[in-house]
Amino acid sequence: MTKLYLDWLDNQHKQLWEKLDIFSHYKGVLAGDTAKPCN
């Protein structure tokens, strides 16, 4: 594997986790969890 591909993969992975984090945050808000800080 090339470094460029590994960097791309790492970036995709970070974006995926950010999306999941945002999703879980809003799911918590919808469930009435207002203790979670908004960033």
Protein backbone atom coordinates (compact mmCIF):
# COMPACT_ATOMS: atom_id res chain seq x y z
CA MET A 1 0.00 0.00 0.00
CA THR A 2 1.16 3.50 -0.72
CA LYS A 3 1.37 6.20 1.91
CA LEU A 4 -1.11 8.32 -0.03
CA TYR A 5 -3.68 5.54 0.16
CA LEU A 6 -3.07 5.03 3.86
CA ASP A 7 -3.46 8.76 4.49
CA TRP A 8 -6.71 8.76 2.51
CA LEU A 9 -7.98 5.75 4.45
CA ASP A 10 -7.08 7.40 7.76
CA ASN A 11 -8.92 10.56 6.70
CA GLN A 12 -12.03 8.59 5.69
CA HIS A 13 -11.92 6.80 9.04
CA LYS A 14 -11.74 10.10 10.95
CA GLN A 15 -14.66 11.54 8.99
CA LEU A 16 -16.71 8.41 9.66
CA TRP A 17 -16.09 8.66 13.40
CA GLU A 18 -16.97 12.37 13.36
CA LYS A 19 -20.27 11.57 11.63
CA LEU A 20 -21.01 8.79 14.12
CA ASP A 21 -20.17 11.11 17.02
CA ILE A 22 -22.50 13.81 15.67
CA PHE A 23 -25.21 11.21 15.07
CA SER A 24 -24.95 9.83 18.60
CA HIS A 25 -24.96 13.38 19.96
CA TYR A 26 -28.20 14.28 18.19
CA LYS A 27 -29.72 10.93 19.09
CA GLY A 28 -28.98 11.79 22.72
CA VAL A 29 -30.60 15.21 22.28
CA LEU A 30 -33.70 13.62 20.77
CA ALA A 31 -33.83 11.21 23.69
CA GLY A 32 -33.87 14.20 26.05
CA ASP A 33 -30.22 14.06 27.08
CA THR A 34 -29.47 17.75 27.49
CA ALA A 35 -26.45 17.18 29.74
CA LYS A 36 -24.28 16.45 26.69
CA PRO A 37 -22.34 19.60 25.68
CA CYS A 38 -22.83 21.03 22.22
CA ASN A 39 -19.55 21.71 20.42
